[in-house]
Amino acid sequence: MPEASYQVRVSGVIPDEVLAELRDLTVSVEPPETVLHGSLPDQSAVVGLISRIHGLGLRLIEVRRLPAEEGPGDQPGPSR
């Protein structure tokens, strides 16, 4: 199964030493939240990230699986 992209919202700011571990994810701070975007290989990686956030005492706001990106020329609509 291919990697899926996720958006994870956390209340507050994630410490720099933890952000260093998450170098494969894009991080944006939108006070009062931190938003992580990126691909994770499987559900185990998602659970691991959530556990890490919980272990830091941070409040998890949302985990959202993002829709797969459409390739060039892909058009939504009925199949032919």
Protein backbone atom coordinates (compact mmCIF):
# COMPACT_ATOMS: atom_id res chain seq x y z
CA MET A 1 0.00 0.00 0.00
CA PRO A 2 1.43 3.43 -0.89
CA GLU A 3 2.16 6.01 1.76
CA ALA A 4 -0.71 8.27 2.73
CA SER A 5 -0.48 11.98 3.48
CA TYR A 6 -1.70 13.31 6.80
CA GLN A 7 -2.32 16.60 8.55
CA VAL A 8 -1.83 16.57 12.33
CA ARG A 9 -2.83 19.55 14.48
CA VAL A 10 -1.41 19.95 17.97
CA SER A 11 -2.23 22.61 20.53
CA GLY A 12 0.80 24.72 21.35
CA VAL A 13 4.35 24.49 20.04
CA ILE A 14 6.26 21.24 19.60
CA PRO A 15 9.76 21.40 21.16
CA ASP A 16 12.67 21.81 18.72
CA GLU A 17 14.29 18.49 19.72
CA VAL A 18 11.09 16.66 18.75
CA LEU A 19 10.79 18.61 15.50
CA ALA A 20 14.28 17.38 14.61
CA GLU A 21 12.91 13.81 14.80
CA LEU A 22 10.06 14.76 12.46
CA ARG A 23 12.27 16.08 9.67
CA ASP A 24 10.25 14.21 7.02
CA LEU A 25 7.16 16.26 7.88
CA THR A 26 6.43 19.86 7.01
CA VAL A 27 5.86 21.96 10.14
CA SER A 28 3.99 25.22 10.31
CA VAL A 29 3.15 27.16 13.45
CA GLU A 30 -0.26 28.80 13.31
CA PRO A 31 -0.63 30.14 16.85
CA PRO A 32 -1.89 28.68 19.04
CA GLU A 33 -1.35 25.44 17.06
CA THR A 34 1.39 23.52 15.32
CA VAL A 35 0.42 21.77 12.09
CA LEU A 36 2.38 18.83 10.70
CA HIS A 37 1.94 17.72 7.06
CA GLY A 38 3.51 14.77 5.39
CA SER A 39 3.47 11.17 4.27
CA LEU A 40 3.59 8.32 6.72
CA PRO A 41 4.25 4.76 5.56
CA ASP A 42 1.47 3.00 7.46
CA GLN A 43 -0.96 3.15 10.38
CA SER A 44 1.76 2.06 12.78
CA ALA A 45 3.68 5.25 11.98
CA VAL A 46 0.52 7.31 12.57
CA VAL A 47 -0.03 5.66 15.95
CA GLY A 48 3.65 6.18 16.82
CA LEU A 49 3.39 9.89 16.04
CA ILE A 50 0.22 10.23 18.11
CA SER A 51 1.88 8.36 21.01
CA ARG A 52 4.91 10.67 20.83
CA ILE A 53 2.67 13.75 20.94
CA HIS A 54 0.73 12.29 23.88
CA GLY A 55 3.97 11.42 25.71
CA LEU A 56 5.04 15.06 25.49
CA GLY A 57 1.83 16.11 27.22
CA LEU A 58 0.66 18.01 24.14
CA ARG A 59 -3.02 18.14 23.23
CA LEU A 60 -3.84 16.50 19.93
CA ILE A 61 -6.51 18.50 18.12
CA GLU A 62 -6.93 16.63 14.84
CA VAL A 63 -5.50 13.89 12.64
CA ARG A 64 -6.72 14.01 9.06
CA ARG A 65 -5.82 11.71 6.20
CA LEU A 66 -5.53 13.89 3.12
CA PRO A 67 -6.96 12.79 -0.23
CA ALA A 68 -4.50 11.32 -2.70
CA GLU A 69 -3.16 13.89 -5.12
CA GLU A 70 -4.47 13.53 -8.62
CA GLY A 71 -1.91 12.96 -11.30
CA PRO A 72 -1.46 15.29 -14.27
CA GLY A 73 -4.42 15.08 -16.62
CA ASP A 74 -6.65 13.29 -14.14
CA GLN A 75 -10.16 14.64 -14.32
CA PRO A 76 -12.78 13.87 -11.69
CA GLY A 77 -15.96 12.52 -13.15
CA PRO A 78 -17.54 9.39 -14.56
CA SER A 79 -15.37 6.57 -15.88
CA ARG A 80 -15.40 5.79 -19.60
